[in-house]
C-alpha atoms as a PDB file:
ATOM      1  CA  MET A   1      34.464 191.488 -63.516  1.00  0.00           C
ATOM      2  CA  ARG A   2      38.128 191.370 -64.521  1.00  0.00           C
ATOM      3  CA  GLU A   3      38.360 187.872 -63.076  1.00  0.00           C
ATOM      4  CA  VAL A   4      35.172 186.685 -64.737  1.00  0.00           C
ATOM      5  CA  LEU A   5      35.721 188.399 -68.105  1.00  0.00           C
ATOM      6  CA  PRO A   6      39.493 188.839 -68.392  1.00  0.00           C
ATOM      7  CA  ASN A   7      39.563 188.937 -72.197  1.00  0.00           C
ATOM      8  CA  THR A   8      36.812 191.495 -72.735  1.00  0.00           C
ATOM      9  CA  SER A   9      37.103 195.236 -73.042  1.00  0.00           C
ATOM     10  CA  ARG A  10      36.874 197.515 -70.052  1.00  0.00           C
ATOM     11  CA  ALA A  11      33.633 198.959 -71.462  1.00  0.00           C
ATOM     12  CA  ALA A  12      32.053 195.509 -71.814  1.00  0.00           C
ATOM     13  CA  ARG A  13      33.120 194.556 -68.282  1.00  0.00           C
ATOM     14  CA  GLY A  14      31.700 197.817 -66.932  1.00  0.00           C
ATOM     15  CA  ARG A  15      28.373 197.260 -68.671  1.00  0.00           C
ATOM     16  CA  ALA A  16      28.216 193.670 -67.429  1.00  0.00           C
ATOM     17  CA  GLY A  17      28.982 194.791 -63.889  1.00  0.00           C
ATOM     18  CA  ASP A  18      26.281 197.456 -63.973  1.00  0.00           C
ATOM     19  CA  LEU A  19      23.723 195.008 -65.341  1.00  0.00           C
ATOM     20  CA  ILE A  20      24.535 192.471 -62.640  1.00  0.00           C
ATOM     21  CA  ILE A  21      24.746 194.829 -59.656  1.00  0.00           C
ATOM     22  CA  ALA A  22      21.323 196.420 -60.226  1.00  0.00           C
ATOM     23  CA  PRO A  23      19.290 193.183 -60.043  1.00  0.00           C
ATOM     24  CA  LEU A  24      21.376 191.939 -57.131  1.00  0.00           C
ATOM     25  CA  GLY A  25      20.550 194.994 -55.063  1.00  0.00           C
ATOM     26  CA  THR A  26      16.901 195.279 -56.004  1.00  0.00           C
ATOM     27  CA  GLY A  27      16.104 191.588 -56.028  1.00  0.00           C
ATOM     28  CA  GLY A  28      18.109 190.880 -52.903  1.00  0.00           C
ATOM     29  CA  LYS A  29      16.373 193.637 -50.962  1.00  0.00           C
ATOM     30  CA  ARG A  30      12.937 192.427 -52.002  1.00  0.00           C
ATOM     31  CA  PHE A  31      13.834 188.804 -51.289  1.00  0.00           C
ATOM     32  CA  SER A  32      15.231 189.686 -47.857  1.00  0.00           C
ATOM     33  CA  GLU A  33      12.096 191.523 -46.767  1.00  0.00           C
ATOM     34  CA  SER A  34      10.302 188.234 -46.079  1.00  0.00           C
ATOM     35  CA  PRO A  35      11.408 185.344 -43.889  1.00  0.00           C
ATOM     36  CA  ARG A  36      12.840 182.475 -45.964  1.00  0.00           C
ATOM     37  CA  THR A  37      13.707 178.880 -45.295  1.00  0.00           C
ATOM     38  CA  ALA A  38      17.159 177.523 -46.072  1.00  0.00           C
ATOM     39  CA  PRO A  39      15.859 175.658 -49.154  1.00  0.00           C
ATOM     40  CA  GLU A  40      14.191 178.854 -50.457  1.00  0.00           C
ATOM     41  CA  ILE A  41      17.416 180.799 -50.009  1.00  0.00           C
ATOM     42  CA  LYS A  42      19.424 178.139 -51.799  1.00  0.00           C
ATOM     43  CA  ALA A  43      16.925 177.926 -54.677  1.00  0.00           C
ATOM     44  CA  TYR A  44      17.015 181.719 -55.061  1.00  0.00           C
ATOM     45  CA  ALA A  45      20.813 181.782 -55.038  1.00  0.00           C
ATOM     46  CA  VAL A  46      21.040 179.012 -57.637  1.00  0.00           C
ATOM     47  CA  ALA A  47      18.486 180.735 -59.868  1.00  0.00           C
ATOM     48  CA  LYS A  48      20.355 184.066 -59.647  1.00  0.00           C
ATOM     49  CA  SER A  49      23.628 182.337 -60.409  1.00  0.00           C
ATOM     50  CA  ASP A  50      22.129 180.601 -63.441  1.00  0.00           C
ATOM     51  CA  MET A  51      20.726 183.904 -64.678  1.00  0.00           C
ATOM     52  CA  PHE A  52      24.062 185.688 -64.370  1.00  0.00           C
ATOM     53  CA  LEU A  53      25.972 182.858 -66.033  1.00  0.00           C
ATOM     54  CA  ALA A  54      23.500 182.847 -68.923  1.00  0.00           C
ATOM     55  CA  TYR A  55      24.242 186.551 -69.370  1.00  0.00           C
ATOM     56  CA  ILE A  56      28.036 186.406 -68.894  1.00  0.00           C
ATOM     57  CA  GLU A  57      28.920 183.325 -70.942  1.00  0.00           C
ATOM     58  CA  PRO A  58      28.040 184.864 -74.348  1.00  0.00           C
ATOM     59  CA  ILE A  59      30.009 188.012 -73.472  1.00  0.00           C
ATOM     60  CA  GLU A  60      33.040 185.907 -72.624  1.00  0.00           C
ATOM     61  CA  GLN A  61      32.794 184.066 -75.926  1.00  0.00           C
ATOM     62  CA  ALA A  62      32.397 187.231 -78.043  1.00  0.00           C
END
Protein backbone atom coordinates (compact mmCIF):
# COMPACT_ATOMS: atom_id res chain seq x y z
CA MET A 1 0.00 0.00 0.00
CA ARG A 2 2.96 2.33 0.51
CA GLU A 3 3.72 2.11 -3.19
CA VAL A 4 0.12 2.67 -4.23
CA LEU A 5 -0.70 5.38 -1.67
CA PRO A 6 2.65 6.96 -0.79
CA ASN A 7 1.20 10.31 0.28
CA THR A 8 -1.52 9.03 2.60
CA SER A 9 -1.34 8.38 6.30
CA ARG A 10 -0.34 5.03 7.71
CA ALA A 11 -3.86 4.63 9.13
CA ALA A 12 -5.48 5.28 5.74
CA ARG A 13 -3.10 2.84 4.03
CA GLY A 14 -3.84 0.21 6.68
CA ARG A 15 -7.59 0.61 6.25
CA ALA A 16 -7.27 0.44 2.46
CA GLY A 17 -5.15 -2.69 2.71
CA ASP A 18 -7.63 -4.39 5.03
CA LEU A 19 -10.55 -3.50 2.76
CA ILE A 20 -8.75 -4.87 -0.29
CA ILE A 21 -7.35 -8.06 1.24
CA ALA A 22 -10.70 -9.32 2.57
CA PRO A 23 -12.52 -9.37 -0.80
CA LEU A 24 -9.46 -10.79 -2.52
CA GLY A 25 -9.36 -13.77 -0.20
CA THR A 26 -13.08 -14.43 -0.05
CA GLY A 27 -13.86 -13.70 -3.68
CA GLY A 28 -10.78 -15.49 -4.95
CA LYS A 29 -11.57 -18.62 -2.97
CA ARG A 30 -15.15 -18.70 -4.22
CA PHE A 31 -14.07 -17.99 -7.79
CA SER A 32 -11.42 -20.71 -7.68
CA GLU A 33 -13.84 -23.38 -6.51
CA SER A 34 -15.24 -23.78 -10.03
CA PRO A 35 -13.38 -24.49 -13.25
CA ARG A 36 -12.92 -21.32 -15.34
CA THR A 37 -11.89 -20.59 -18.88
CA ALA A 38 -9.05 -18.20 -19.63
CA PRO A 39 -11.48 -15.48 -20.77
CA GLU A 40 -13.50 -15.85 -17.54
CA ILE A 41 -10.35 -15.54 -15.45
CA LYS A 42 -9.24 -12.46 -17.35
CA ALA A 43 -12.69 -10.82 -17.08
CA TYR A 44 -12.72 -11.49 -13.32
CA ALA A 45 -9.23 -10.07 -12.88
CA VAL A 46 -10.08 -6.93 -14.86
CA ALA A 47 -13.30 -6.42 -12.89
CA LYS A 48 -11.47 -6.81 -9.56
CA SER A 49 -8.78 -4.40 -10.69
CA ASP A 50 -11.38 -1.83 -11.74
CA MET A 51 -13.13 -2.19 -8.39
CA PHE A 52 -9.93 -1.66 -6.41
CA LEU A 53 -8.87 1.31 -8.52
CA ALA A 54 -12.29 2.91 -8.04
CA TYR A 55 -11.75 2.57 -4.29
CA ILE A 56 -8.08 3.66 -4.17
CA GLU A 57 -8.12 6.65 -6.52
CA PRO A 58 -10.27 8.89 -4.26
CA ILE A 59 -8.08 8.01 -1.25
CA GLU A 60 -4.98 9.01 -3.19
CA GLN A 61 -6.54 12.33 -4.14
CA ALA A 62 -7.72 13.17 -0.60
